[in-house]
Amino acid sequence: MGDNGTWSATKGGSAEALVDSFVLPENQLKDLTWDESKVWVLMGDHVWSLNPATRQWASHPTPGYYSDGITFDGSHLPVGDGPWGTHKIYRLSPGTMTILPTPGSCQITGLAFDGSHFRCADGNYARHQLFEVTPSGAVVDSADCEGSILGGFTFDGATLWYAAWDAGHTRIYQCDTAGQTMTSFPTPGSSSGMGSGLAFGNGHLWYSDGVTDVIYEMDTS
């Protein structure tokens, strides 16, 4: 029914997933996360919140210079400042902010929270890594990941998911918390991994395509 409606995707003759899409208030979409009631989207120099029930947007200025990763830790919105920014993580809540050092090459492309620690995707072109970081900023562990250009990154309560572009196509990878790949599949939308984001909420993956400016809701298969 087009990009502004709900539609059913089919595979092998049976319905696999329901997808909903929302018109974005601006371009330069970078990343998104879920806070149990709203979707938060990094676009331009603002963080936008979307209430899926009412389809209403609200905007808030981002810290740093080039925000490029956002997640929800249960009470705050950690935002990573990207390769051309301040190389810091900002933890946002009304009236307060905590700044943490970033691991690896400081080129954050995605953030996730596993209930106790942050998970950071480092998009260094020479070596792509996933880092586990304490709330105080100390690195606990790291693992190499697949693909040549990293995009969005999220945690589903048990495993990690990230989007990566490689050999002309973008795929979504599922890995365990040690970084071992479990499965992967092609992303919907365009084949470019630039500007993509991932979140997990309501039992589904939410993938943002920065080329088509569409958010896709998918099941984990």
N, C-alpha and C. Protein backbone atom coordinates (compact mmCIF):
# COMPACT_ATOMS: atom_id res chain seq x y z
N MET A 1 0.82 -1.20 0.00
CA MET A 1 0.00 0.00 0.00
C MET A 1 0.86 1.26 0.00
N GLY A 2 2.16 1.11 -0.33
CA GLY A 2 3.04 2.28 -0.35
C GLY A 2 3.73 2.49 0.98
N ASP A 3 4.61 3.48 1.03
CA ASP A 3 5.43 3.70 2.21
C ASP A 3 4.69 4.36 3.36
N ASN A 4 3.47 4.82 3.14
CA ASN A 4 2.74 5.51 4.21
C ASN A 4 1.63 4.65 4.82
N GLY A 5 1.59 3.36 4.51
CA GLY A 5 0.54 2.50 5.04
C GLY A 5 1.10 1.23 5.64
N THR A 6 0.22 0.38 6.12
CA THR A 6 0.60 -0.91 6.67
C THR A 6 0.44 -1.97 5.58
N TRP A 7 1.42 -2.88 5.48
CA TRP A 7 1.33 -3.88 4.45
C TRP A 7 1.90 -5.19 4.96
N SER A 8 1.65 -6.27 4.25
CA SER A 8 2.09 -7.59 4.64
C SER A 8 3.13 -8.09 3.65
N ALA A 9 4.28 -8.53 4.16
CA ALA A 9 5.30 -9.11 3.30
C ALA A 9 5.12 -10.63 3.28
N THR A 10 5.32 -11.24 2.13
CA THR A 10 5.15 -12.69 2.04
C THR A 10 6.44 -13.34 1.59
N LYS A 11 6.61 -14.59 2.07
CA LYS A 11 7.79 -15.37 1.70
C LYS A 11 7.36 -16.83 1.69
N GLY A 12 7.58 -17.51 0.60
CA GLY A 12 7.19 -18.90 0.52
C GLY A 12 5.69 -19.11 0.58
N GLY A 13 4.91 -18.08 0.23
CA GLY A 13 3.47 -18.24 0.17
C GLY A 13 2.75 -17.96 1.47
N SER A 14 3.47 -17.60 2.54
CA SER A 14 2.80 -17.31 3.81
C SER A 14 3.27 -15.98 4.35
N ALA A 15 2.41 -15.31 5.12
CA ALA A 15 2.76 -14.01 5.68
C ALA A 15 3.84 -14.17 6.74
N GLU A 16 4.92 -13.38 6.64
CA GLU A 16 6.03 -13.47 7.58
C GLU A 16 6.07 -12.32 8.57
N ALA A 17 5.63 -11.14 8.16
CA ALA A 17 5.78 -9.98 9.04
C ALA A 17 4.81 -8.88 8.64
N LEU A 18 4.43 -8.08 9.62
CA LEU A 18 3.66 -6.87 9.35
C LEU A 18 4.60 -5.69 9.49
N VAL A 19 4.51 -4.74 8.60
CA VAL A 19 5.41 -3.60 8.59
C VAL A 19 4.58 -2.32 8.62
N ASP A 20 4.98 -1.39 9.49
CA ASP A 20 4.34 -0.09 9.52
C ASP A 20 5.40 0.96 9.23
N SER A 21 5.04 2.06 8.65
CA SER A 21 6.00 3.11 8.31
C SER A 21 5.45 4.46 8.70
N PHE A 22 6.37 5.41 8.96
CA PHE A 22 6.01 6.74 9.43
C PHE A 22 6.76 7.78 8.61
N VAL A 23 6.09 8.85 8.24
CA VAL A 23 6.74 9.95 7.52
C VAL A 23 7.63 10.71 8.49
N LEU A 24 8.90 10.93 8.11
CA LEU A 24 9.85 11.61 8.98
C LEU A 24 9.73 13.13 8.84
N PRO A 25 9.93 13.86 9.95
CA PRO A 25 9.80 15.32 9.88
C PRO A 25 10.98 16.01 9.20
N GLU A 26 12.13 15.33 9.09
CA GLU A 26 13.27 15.90 8.37
C GLU A 26 14.15 14.77 7.87
N ASN A 27 15.27 15.10 7.17
CA ASN A 27 16.14 14.06 6.65
C ASN A 27 17.37 13.90 7.55
N GLN A 28 18.45 13.32 7.02
CA GLN A 28 19.67 13.03 7.76
C GLN A 28 19.38 12.10 8.93
N LEU A 29 18.61 11.04 8.68
CA LEU A 29 18.31 10.07 9.72
C LEU A 29 19.55 9.25 10.05
N LYS A 30 19.86 9.09 11.34
CA LYS A 30 21.11 8.44 11.74
C LYS A 30 20.90 7.18 12.58
N ASP A 31 20.04 7.22 13.59
CA ASP A 31 19.87 6.06 14.46
C ASP A 31 18.55 6.20 15.21
N LEU A 32 18.11 5.10 15.86
CA LEU A 32 16.87 5.15 16.63
C LEU A 32 16.91 4.15 17.77
N THR A 33 16.03 4.35 18.78
CA THR A 33 15.91 3.43 19.91
C THR A 33 14.47 3.46 20.41
N TRP A 34 14.17 2.59 21.37
CA TRP A 34 12.80 2.40 21.89
C TRP A 34 12.86 2.52 23.41
N ASP A 35 11.93 3.27 24.04
CA ASP A 35 11.95 3.46 25.49
C ASP A 35 10.74 2.85 26.19
N GLU A 36 10.16 1.82 25.59
CA GLU A 36 8.97 1.12 26.09
C GLU A 36 7.66 1.80 25.71
N SER A 37 7.70 3.03 25.23
CA SER A 37 6.47 3.68 24.79
C SER A 37 6.65 4.51 23.53
N LYS A 38 7.86 5.01 23.28
CA LYS A 38 8.12 5.88 22.13
C LYS A 38 9.37 5.43 21.39
N VAL A 39 9.43 5.76 20.11
CA VAL A 39 10.64 5.61 19.31
C VAL A 39 11.39 6.94 19.33
N TRP A 40 12.69 6.90 19.62
CA TRP A 40 13.54 8.10 19.60
C TRP A 40 14.46 7.99 18.38
N VAL A 41 14.50 9.04 17.56
CA VAL A 41 15.23 9.02 16.30
C VAL A 41 16.21 10.19 16.24
N LEU A 42 17.47 9.89 15.91
CA LEU A 42 18.46 10.95 15.66
C LEU A 42 18.31 11.41 14.21
N MET A 43 18.01 12.69 14.02
CA MET A 43 17.92 13.28 12.68
C MET A 43 18.51 14.67 12.73
N GLY A 44 19.45 14.94 11.83
CA GLY A 44 20.07 16.26 11.81
C GLY A 44 20.75 16.54 13.14
N ASP A 45 20.46 17.69 13.73
CA ASP A 45 21.05 18.04 15.03
C ASP A 45 20.01 17.97 16.15
N HIS A 46 18.98 17.12 15.98
CA HIS A 46 17.95 16.96 17.00
C HIS A 46 17.67 15.48 17.27
N VAL A 47 17.22 15.20 18.49
CA VAL A 47 16.62 13.92 18.82
C VAL A 47 15.12 14.09 18.73
N TRP A 48 14.47 13.24 17.93
CA TRP A 48 13.01 13.30 17.76
C TRP A 48 12.37 12.11 18.47
N SER A 49 11.27 12.35 19.17
CA SER A 49 10.50 11.26 19.77
C SER A 49 9.20 11.08 19.00
N LEU A 50 8.85 9.80 18.75
CA LEU A 50 7.63 9.46 18.02
C LEU A 50 6.75 8.58 18.89
N ASN A 51 5.51 9.00 19.10
CA ASN A 51 4.52 8.16 19.76
C ASN A 51 3.80 7.37 18.68
N PRO A 52 4.04 6.04 18.57
CA PRO A 52 3.42 5.26 17.47
C PRO A 52 1.89 5.27 17.52
N ALA A 53 1.32 5.39 18.72
CA ALA A 53 -0.13 5.35 18.85
C ALA A 53 -0.79 6.61 18.27
N THR A 54 -0.18 7.78 18.55
CA THR A 54 -0.75 9.04 18.09
C THR A 54 -0.08 9.57 16.83
N ARG A 55 1.12 8.99 16.48
CA ARG A 55 1.93 9.44 15.34
C ARG A 55 2.37 10.90 15.50
N GLN A 56 2.54 11.34 16.73
CA GLN A 56 2.99 12.71 17.00
C GLN A 56 4.50 12.72 17.26
N TRP A 57 5.18 13.73 16.68
CA TRP A 57 6.61 13.90 16.85
C TRP A 57 6.89 15.06 17.81
N ALA A 58 8.01 14.97 18.55
CA ALA A 58 8.53 16.09 19.35
C ALA A 58 10.04 16.08 19.18
N SER A 59 10.68 17.26 19.22
CA SER A 59 12.13 17.33 18.98
C SER A 59 12.86 17.96 20.16
N HIS A 60 14.15 17.58 20.28
CA HIS A 60 15.01 18.05 21.35
C HIS A 60 16.41 18.20 20.77
N PRO A 61 17.14 19.29 21.02
CA PRO A 61 18.50 19.45 20.50
C PRO A 61 19.42 18.37 21.04
N THR A 62 20.37 17.91 20.21
CA THR A 62 21.35 16.91 20.65
C THR A 62 22.60 17.60 21.18
N PRO A 63 23.33 16.93 22.08
CA PRO A 63 24.62 17.47 22.54
C PRO A 63 25.71 17.17 21.52
N GLY A 64 26.91 17.69 21.76
CA GLY A 64 28.02 17.41 20.86
C GLY A 64 27.87 18.11 19.52
N TYR A 65 28.57 17.57 18.51
CA TYR A 65 28.59 18.19 17.20
C TYR A 65 28.06 17.28 16.09
N TYR A 66 28.18 15.95 16.26
CA TYR A 66 27.77 15.04 15.19
C TYR A 66 27.25 13.76 15.82
N SER A 67 26.10 13.83 16.47
CA SER A 67 25.53 12.67 17.15
C SER A 67 25.25 11.55 16.16
N ASP A 68 25.66 10.31 16.52
CA ASP A 68 25.54 9.20 15.57
C ASP A 68 25.36 7.88 16.29
N GLY A 69 24.47 7.82 17.26
CA GLY A 69 24.17 6.59 17.98
C GLY A 69 23.33 6.90 19.20
N ILE A 70 22.24 6.17 19.43
CA ILE A 70 21.36 6.43 20.55
C ILE A 70 20.80 5.11 21.08
N THR A 71 20.61 5.00 22.41
CA THR A 71 19.97 3.84 23.01
C THR A 71 19.22 4.28 24.25
N PHE A 72 18.53 3.37 24.90
CA PHE A 72 17.78 3.66 26.13
C PHE A 72 18.23 2.67 27.19
N ASP A 73 18.61 3.15 28.39
CA ASP A 73 19.12 2.28 29.44
C ASP A 73 18.14 2.04 30.59
N GLY A 74 16.89 2.37 30.36
CA GLY A 74 15.87 2.20 31.39
C GLY A 74 15.43 3.49 32.03
N SER A 75 16.31 4.50 31.99
CA SER A 75 15.96 5.80 32.57
C SER A 75 16.54 6.97 31.79
N HIS A 76 17.61 6.76 31.04
CA HIS A 76 18.28 7.82 30.30
C HIS A 76 18.41 7.44 28.82
N LEU A 77 18.76 8.44 28.02
CA LEU A 77 19.04 8.25 26.59
C LEU A 77 20.52 8.54 26.34
N PRO A 78 21.40 7.52 26.35
CA PRO A 78 22.79 7.75 25.97
C PRO A 78 22.89 8.04 24.48
N VAL A 79 23.62 9.11 24.12
CA VAL A 79 23.81 9.52 22.74
C VAL A 79 25.31 9.58 22.46
N GLY A 80 25.78 8.88 21.42
CA GLY A 80 27.19 8.90 21.05
C GLY A 80 27.47 9.97 20.03
N ASP A 81 28.55 10.74 20.23
CA ASP A 81 28.96 11.74 19.24
C ASP A 81 29.94 11.06 18.30
N GLY A 82 29.71 11.17 17.00
CA GLY A 82 30.36 10.35 16.00
C GLY A 82 31.76 10.75 15.60
N PRO A 83 32.25 10.21 14.45
CA PRO A 83 33.65 10.38 14.04
C PRO A 83 34.10 11.83 13.92
N TRP A 84 33.20 12.74 13.52
CA TRP A 84 33.59 14.14 13.36
C TRP A 84 33.11 15.00 14.53
N GLY A 85 32.76 14.35 15.63
CA GLY A 85 32.25 15.06 16.80
C GLY A 85 33.25 15.16 17.93
N THR A 86 32.76 15.05 19.16
CA THR A 86 33.59 15.24 20.35
C THR A 86 34.16 13.94 20.90
N HIS A 87 33.83 12.78 20.27
CA HIS A 87 34.30 11.47 20.72
C HIS A 87 33.87 11.19 22.17
N LYS A 88 32.62 11.51 22.49
CA LYS A 88 32.10 11.29 23.82
C LYS A 88 30.70 10.66 23.75
N ILE A 89 30.27 10.06 24.87
CA ILE A 89 28.90 9.58 25.03
C ILE A 89 28.19 10.50 25.99
N TYR A 90 27.04 11.05 25.59
CA TYR A 90 26.24 11.92 26.44
C TYR A 90 25.03 11.14 26.95
N ARG A 91 24.81 11.16 28.25
CA ARG A 91 23.68 10.45 28.85
C ARG A 91 22.62 11.49 29.19
N LEU A 92 21.51 11.48 28.43
CA LEU A 92 20.54 12.54 28.51
C LEU A 92 19.33 12.17 29.37
N SER A 93 18.90 13.12 30.18
CA SER A 93 17.61 13.08 30.87
C SER A 93 17.26 14.52 31.17
N PRO A 94 16.00 14.80 31.49
CA PRO A 94 15.63 16.21 31.74
C PRO A 94 16.51 16.88 32.80
N GLY A 95 17.26 17.88 32.37
CA GLY A 95 18.04 18.69 33.31
C GLY A 95 19.40 18.15 33.68
N THR A 96 19.77 16.92 33.25
CA THR A 96 21.07 16.38 33.64
C THR A 96 21.78 15.78 32.43
N MET A 97 23.11 15.64 32.52
CA MET A 97 23.90 15.03 31.46
C MET A 97 25.19 14.49 32.06
N THR A 98 25.57 13.26 31.68
CA THR A 98 26.82 12.64 32.08
C THR A 98 27.63 12.35 30.82
N ILE A 99 28.93 12.68 30.83
CA ILE A 99 29.79 12.49 29.66
C ILE A 99 30.77 11.37 29.96
N LEU A 100 30.84 10.36 29.06
CA LEU A 100 31.74 9.22 29.22
C LEU A 100 32.73 9.17 28.07
N PRO A 101 33.95 8.63 28.31
CA PRO A 101 34.88 8.41 27.18
C PRO A 101 34.38 7.28 26.31
N THR A 102 34.70 7.30 25.02
CA THR A 102 34.29 6.23 24.11
C THR A 102 35.45 5.28 23.87
N PRO A 103 35.15 3.99 23.65
CA PRO A 103 36.21 3.00 23.43
C PRO A 103 36.66 2.96 21.98
N GLY A 104 37.72 2.18 21.72
CA GLY A 104 38.18 1.96 20.34
C GLY A 104 38.66 3.23 19.67
N SER A 105 38.25 3.41 18.42
CA SER A 105 38.69 4.56 17.63
C SER A 105 37.80 5.78 17.83
N CYS A 106 36.80 5.68 18.71
CA CYS A 106 35.85 6.76 19.00
C CYS A 106 34.87 7.00 17.85
N GLN A 107 34.79 6.08 16.88
CA GLN A 107 33.90 6.26 15.74
C GLN A 107 32.60 5.46 15.96
N ILE A 108 31.78 5.91 16.89
CA ILE A 108 30.56 5.21 17.27
C ILE A 108 29.54 5.26 16.14
N THR A 109 28.98 4.09 15.79
CA THR A 109 27.89 4.04 14.81
C THR A 109 26.60 3.54 15.45
N GLY A 110 26.65 3.02 16.67
CA GLY A 110 25.44 2.55 17.34
C GLY A 110 25.69 2.28 18.80
N LEU A 111 24.63 2.40 19.61
CA LEU A 111 24.69 2.14 21.05
C LEU A 111 23.53 1.23 21.45
N ALA A 112 23.77 0.38 22.46
CA ALA A 112 22.73 -0.45 23.04
C ALA A 112 23.00 -0.58 24.53
N PHE A 113 21.98 -0.99 25.29
CA PHE A 113 22.12 -1.21 26.73
C PHE A 113 21.59 -2.59 27.06
N ASP A 114 22.38 -3.43 27.77
CA ASP A 114 21.99 -4.82 28.01
C ASP A 114 21.41 -5.06 29.40
N GLY A 115 21.08 -3.97 30.10
CA GLY A 115 20.55 -4.09 31.44
C GLY A 115 21.54 -3.71 32.51
N SER A 116 22.83 -3.82 32.22
CA SER A 116 23.86 -3.41 33.17
C SER A 116 25.01 -2.66 32.51
N HIS A 117 25.32 -2.99 31.25
CA HIS A 117 26.44 -2.37 30.55
C HIS A 117 25.98 -1.80 29.20
N PHE A 118 26.75 -0.83 28.69
CA PHE A 118 26.54 -0.32 27.34
C PHE A 118 27.24 -1.23 26.34
N ARG A 119 26.67 -1.33 25.16
CA ARG A 119 27.31 -2.00 24.03
C ARG A 119 27.50 -0.96 22.95
N CYS A 120 28.73 -0.80 22.46
CA CYS A 120 29.06 0.23 21.47
C CYS A 120 29.57 -0.43 20.19
N ALA A 121 29.07 0.00 19.05
CA ALA A 121 29.58 -0.43 17.75
C ALA A 121 30.57 0.62 17.26
N ASP A 122 31.81 0.20 17.02
CA ASP A 122 32.87 1.10 16.58
C ASP A 122 33.09 0.90 15.08
N GLY A 123 32.84 1.95 14.28
CA GLY A 123 32.90 1.84 12.82
C GLY A 123 34.24 2.16 12.21
N ASN A 124 35.34 1.95 12.94
CA ASN A 124 36.67 2.18 12.38
C ASN A 124 36.82 1.38 11.08
N TYR A 125 37.25 2.04 9.99
CA TYR A 125 37.35 1.36 8.70
C TYR A 125 38.39 0.24 8.72
N ALA A 126 39.42 0.36 9.54
CA ALA A 126 40.46 -0.65 9.58
C ALA A 126 40.03 -1.88 10.38
N ARG A 127 39.19 -1.67 11.42
CA ARG A 127 38.79 -2.80 12.28
C ARG A 127 37.47 -2.47 12.96
N HIS A 128 36.40 -3.18 12.58
CA HIS A 128 35.08 -2.95 13.18
C HIS A 128 34.96 -3.80 14.44
N GLN A 129 34.55 -3.17 15.55
CA GLN A 129 34.46 -3.89 16.81
C GLN A 129 33.19 -3.54 17.57
N LEU A 130 32.75 -4.49 18.40
CA LEU A 130 31.68 -4.27 19.37
C LEU A 130 32.30 -4.25 20.75
N PHE A 131 32.02 -3.19 21.52
CA PHE A 131 32.60 -3.04 22.85
C PHE A 131 31.53 -3.17 23.92
N GLU A 132 31.90 -3.76 25.05
CA GLU A 132 31.07 -3.78 26.25
C GLU A 132 31.69 -2.80 27.25
N VAL A 133 30.90 -1.83 27.71
CA VAL A 133 31.42 -0.73 28.53
C VAL A 133 30.54 -0.56 29.77
N THR A 134 31.17 -0.36 30.93
CA THR A 134 30.42 -0.14 32.16
C THR A 134 29.78 1.25 32.13
N PRO A 135 28.76 1.50 33.00
CA PRO A 135 28.15 2.83 33.05
C PRO A 135 29.12 3.96 33.40
N SER A 136 30.29 3.59 33.96
CA SER A 136 31.30 4.61 34.27
C SER A 136 32.28 4.83 33.12
N GLY A 137 32.18 4.00 32.06
CA GLY A 137 33.02 4.20 30.89
C GLY A 137 34.17 3.23 30.74
N ALA A 138 34.33 2.26 31.66
CA ALA A 138 35.43 1.29 31.58
C ALA A 138 35.10 0.18 30.59
N VAL A 139 36.06 -0.19 29.73
CA VAL A 139 35.86 -1.27 28.75
C VAL A 139 35.96 -2.62 29.44
N VAL A 140 34.93 -3.46 29.27
CA VAL A 140 34.90 -4.80 29.85
C VAL A 140 35.39 -5.83 28.85
N ASP A 141 34.94 -5.72 27.59
CA ASP A 141 35.28 -6.72 26.58
C ASP A 141 35.09 -6.11 25.19
N SER A 142 35.62 -6.78 24.17
CA SER A 142 35.43 -6.34 22.78
C SER A 142 35.47 -7.55 21.86
N ALA A 143 34.87 -7.40 20.68
CA ALA A 143 34.87 -8.48 19.69
C ALA A 143 34.82 -7.87 18.30
N ASP A 144 35.50 -8.49 17.34
CA ASP A 144 35.43 -8.06 15.95
C ASP A 144 34.07 -8.43 15.37
N CYS A 145 33.59 -7.66 14.37
CA CYS A 145 32.31 -7.97 13.75
C CYS A 145 32.44 -7.92 12.23
N GLU A 146 31.42 -8.38 11.53
CA GLU A 146 31.47 -8.54 10.08
C GLU A 146 31.05 -7.27 9.36
N GLY A 147 31.25 -7.28 8.02
CA GLY A 147 30.88 -6.13 7.21
C GLY A 147 32.00 -5.12 7.07
N SER A 148 31.84 -4.18 6.14
CA SER A 148 32.87 -3.18 5.91
C SER A 148 32.43 -1.78 6.34
N ILE A 149 31.10 -1.54 6.48
CA ILE A 149 30.59 -0.26 6.98
C ILE A 149 29.48 -0.58 7.97
N LEU A 150 29.70 -0.25 9.25
CA LEU A 150 28.70 -0.55 10.27
C LEU A 150 27.59 0.49 10.28
N GLY A 151 26.38 0.03 10.63
CA GLY A 151 25.24 0.92 10.78
C GLY A 151 24.64 0.80 12.16
N GLY A 152 23.33 0.55 12.24
CA GLY A 152 22.63 0.50 13.52
C GLY A 152 23.01 -0.69 14.37
N PHE A 153 22.63 -0.64 15.66
CA PHE A 153 23.06 -1.63 16.65
C PHE A 153 22.02 -1.66 17.76
N THR A 154 21.63 -2.87 18.23
CA THR A 154 20.65 -2.96 19.31
C THR A 154 20.79 -4.28 20.06
N PHE A 155 20.06 -4.42 21.17
CA PHE A 155 20.08 -5.60 22.05
C PHE A 155 18.64 -6.03 22.28
N ASP A 156 18.34 -7.33 22.14
CA ASP A 156 16.96 -7.80 22.26
C ASP A 156 16.64 -8.44 23.60
N GLY A 157 17.56 -8.33 24.56
CA GLY A 157 17.38 -8.96 25.86
C GLY A 157 18.23 -10.20 26.03
N ALA A 158 18.73 -10.77 24.90
CA ALA A 158 19.57 -11.95 24.96
C ALA A 158 20.72 -11.89 23.96
N THR A 159 20.48 -11.33 22.77
CA THR A 159 21.50 -11.29 21.72
C THR A 159 21.62 -9.87 21.16
N LEU A 160 22.71 -9.66 20.42
CA LEU A 160 23.00 -8.37 19.80
C LEU A 160 22.66 -8.42 18.31
N TRP A 161 22.25 -7.27 17.77
CA TRP A 161 21.94 -7.14 16.35
C TRP A 161 22.66 -5.90 15.81
N TYR A 162 23.22 -6.00 14.61
CA TYR A 162 23.80 -4.82 13.98
C TYR A 162 23.62 -4.90 12.46
N ALA A 163 23.57 -3.73 11.83
CA ALA A 163 23.47 -3.64 10.37
C ALA A 163 24.86 -3.31 9.82
N ALA A 164 25.24 -3.95 8.74
CA ALA A 164 26.55 -3.70 8.13
C ALA A 164 26.46 -3.84 6.62
N TRP A 165 27.12 -2.92 5.92
CA TRP A 165 27.19 -2.95 4.47
C TRP A 165 28.45 -3.69 4.05
N ASP A 166 28.33 -4.57 3.03
CA ASP A 166 29.49 -5.29 2.53
C ASP A 166 29.20 -5.81 1.13
N ALA A 167 30.14 -5.64 0.23
CA ALA A 167 30.04 -6.17 -1.14
C ALA A 167 28.76 -5.74 -1.84
N GLY A 168 28.36 -4.47 -1.63
CA GLY A 168 27.24 -3.91 -2.36
C GLY A 168 25.88 -4.12 -1.73
N HIS A 169 25.81 -4.76 -0.57
CA HIS A 169 24.52 -5.03 0.06
C HIS A 169 24.62 -4.79 1.57
N THR A 170 23.48 -4.46 2.20
CA THR A 170 23.41 -4.30 3.63
C THR A 170 22.70 -5.50 4.25
N ARG A 171 23.27 -6.04 5.32
CA ARG A 171 22.67 -7.17 6.02
C ARG A 171 22.52 -6.83 7.50
N ILE A 172 21.56 -7.47 8.14
CA ILE A 172 21.40 -7.39 9.58
C ILE A 172 21.96 -8.68 10.18
N TYR A 173 22.89 -8.53 11.12
CA TYR A 173 23.55 -9.67 11.75
C TYR A 173 23.05 -9.84 13.18
N GLN A 174 22.82 -11.09 13.58
CA GLN A 174 22.54 -11.41 14.97
C GLN A 174 23.76 -12.13 15.53
N CYS A 175 24.22 -11.70 16.71
CA CYS A 175 25.37 -12.36 17.33
C CYS A 175 25.13 -12.51 18.83
N ASP A 176 25.85 -13.44 19.45
CA ASP A 176 25.74 -13.58 20.90
C ASP A 176 26.53 -12.47 21.56
N THR A 177 26.47 -12.39 22.89
CA THR A 177 27.12 -11.28 23.59
C THR A 177 28.64 -11.36 23.54
N ALA A 178 29.18 -12.50 23.08
CA ALA A 178 30.63 -12.62 22.88
C ALA A 178 31.04 -12.19 21.48
N GLY A 179 30.05 -11.84 20.63
CA GLY A 179 30.36 -11.35 19.29
C GLY A 179 30.34 -12.40 18.21
N GLN A 180 29.96 -13.66 18.53
CA GLN A 180 29.91 -14.72 17.54
C GLN A 180 28.61 -14.63 16.72
N THR A 181 28.75 -14.56 15.38
CA THR A 181 27.58 -14.43 14.50
C THR A 181 26.70 -15.68 14.58
N MET A 182 25.38 -15.46 14.74
CA MET A 182 24.41 -16.54 14.80
C MET A 182 23.64 -16.66 13.49
N THR A 183 23.25 -15.54 12.91
CA THR A 183 22.52 -15.54 11.65
C THR A 183 22.61 -14.16 11.02
N SER A 184 22.20 -14.03 9.77
CA SER A 184 22.13 -12.73 9.11
C SER A 184 21.13 -12.81 7.98
N PHE A 185 20.58 -11.66 7.57
CA PHE A 185 19.64 -11.60 6.47
C PHE A 185 19.66 -10.21 5.85
N PRO A 186 19.24 -10.07 4.59
CA PRO A 186 19.27 -8.75 3.92
C PRO A 186 18.29 -7.79 4.58
N THR A 187 18.64 -6.51 4.55
CA THR A 187 17.75 -5.48 5.08
C THR A 187 16.68 -5.13 4.04
N PRO A 188 15.53 -4.62 4.50
CA PRO A 188 14.56 -4.06 3.56
C PRO A 188 15.04 -2.69 3.08
N GLY A 189 14.36 -2.09 2.15
CA GLY A 189 14.72 -0.76 1.68
C GLY A 189 15.89 -0.78 0.72
N SER A 190 16.75 0.23 0.82
CA SER A 190 17.88 0.38 -0.10
C SER A 190 18.99 -0.59 0.27
N SER A 191 20.01 -0.67 -0.59
CA SER A 191 21.15 -1.56 -0.33
C SER A 191 22.28 -0.85 0.40
N SER A 192 22.12 0.45 0.67
CA SER A 192 23.17 1.22 1.33
C SER A 192 23.04 1.13 2.84
N GLY A 193 24.18 0.94 3.53
CA GLY A 193 24.17 0.87 4.99
C GLY A 193 24.40 2.22 5.64
N MET A 194 24.64 3.26 4.85
CA MET A 194 24.91 4.57 5.42
C MET A 194 23.64 5.16 6.03
N GLY A 195 23.71 5.60 7.27
CA GLY A 195 22.58 6.26 7.90
C GLY A 195 21.53 5.33 8.43
N SER A 196 21.84 4.03 8.58
CA SER A 196 20.84 3.09 9.09
C SER A 196 20.86 3.07 10.62
N GLY A 197 19.75 2.61 11.21
CA GLY A 197 19.66 2.47 12.66
C GLY A 197 18.84 1.24 13.00
N LEU A 198 19.06 0.68 14.19
CA LEU A 198 18.34 -0.50 14.65
C LEU A 198 17.85 -0.29 16.07
N ALA A 199 16.66 -0.80 16.37
CA ALA A 199 16.14 -0.83 17.73
C ALA A 199 15.31 -2.11 17.88
N PHE A 200 15.08 -2.51 19.14
CA PHE A 200 14.24 -3.68 19.41
C PHE A 200 13.15 -3.26 20.38
N GLY A 201 11.88 -3.55 20.04
CA GLY A 201 10.77 -3.21 20.91
C GLY A 201 9.52 -3.94 20.50
N ASN A 202 8.70 -4.31 21.48
CA ASN A 202 7.45 -5.04 21.23
C ASN A 202 7.69 -6.36 20.49
N GLY A 203 8.84 -6.97 20.74
CA GLY A 203 9.16 -8.25 20.11
C GLY A 203 9.64 -8.17 18.69
N HIS A 204 9.80 -6.95 18.15
CA HIS A 204 10.20 -6.78 16.76
C HIS A 204 11.46 -5.93 16.64
N LEU A 205 12.14 -6.09 15.52
CA LEU A 205 13.24 -5.21 15.15
C LEU A 205 12.69 -4.00 14.41
N TRP A 206 13.25 -2.83 14.68
CA TRP A 206 12.91 -1.60 13.96
C TRP A 206 14.16 -1.13 13.24
N TYR A 207 14.08 -1.04 11.90
CA TYR A 207 15.23 -0.67 11.08
C TYR A 207 14.94 0.62 10.34
N SER A 208 15.84 1.59 10.44
CA SER A 208 15.66 2.86 9.73
C SER A 208 16.61 2.91 8.53
N ASP A 209 16.08 3.25 7.39
CA ASP A 209 16.86 3.36 6.16
C ASP A 209 17.09 4.84 5.87
N GLY A 210 18.35 5.28 5.97
CA GLY A 210 18.67 6.68 5.78
C GLY A 210 18.65 7.14 4.33
N VAL A 211 18.51 6.20 3.38
CA VAL A 211 18.41 6.56 1.97
C VAL A 211 16.96 6.78 1.57
N THR A 212 16.07 5.83 1.95
CA THR A 212 14.66 5.95 1.61
C THR A 212 13.87 6.74 2.65
N ASP A 213 14.51 7.03 3.81
CA ASP A 213 13.85 7.74 4.91
C ASP A 213 12.57 7.03 5.36
N VAL A 214 12.67 5.72 5.53
CA VAL A 214 11.55 4.89 5.99
C VAL A 214 12.01 4.05 7.17
N ILE A 215 11.14 3.90 8.20
CA ILE A 215 11.39 2.99 9.32
C ILE A 215 10.60 1.72 9.07
N TYR A 216 11.28 0.57 9.12
CA TYR A 216 10.63 -0.72 8.90
C TYR A 216 10.52 -1.49 10.21
N GLU A 217 9.36 -2.11 10.44
CA GLU A 217 9.15 -3.00 11.57
C GLU A 217 9.22 -4.43 11.06
N MET A 218 10.08 -5.27 11.66
CA MET A 218 10.30 -6.64 11.16
C MET A 218 10.26 -7.63 12.32
N ASP A 219 9.88 -8.89 12.00
CA ASP A 219 10.10 -9.92 13.00
C ASP A 219 11.57 -10.35 12.93
N THR A 220 12.03 -11.12 13.90
CA THR A 220 13.46 -11.42 14.01
C THR A 220 13.91 -12.50 13.02
N SER A 221 12.96 -13.04 12.24
CA SER A 221 13.36 -13.97 11.17
C SER A 221 13.56 -13.25 9.83
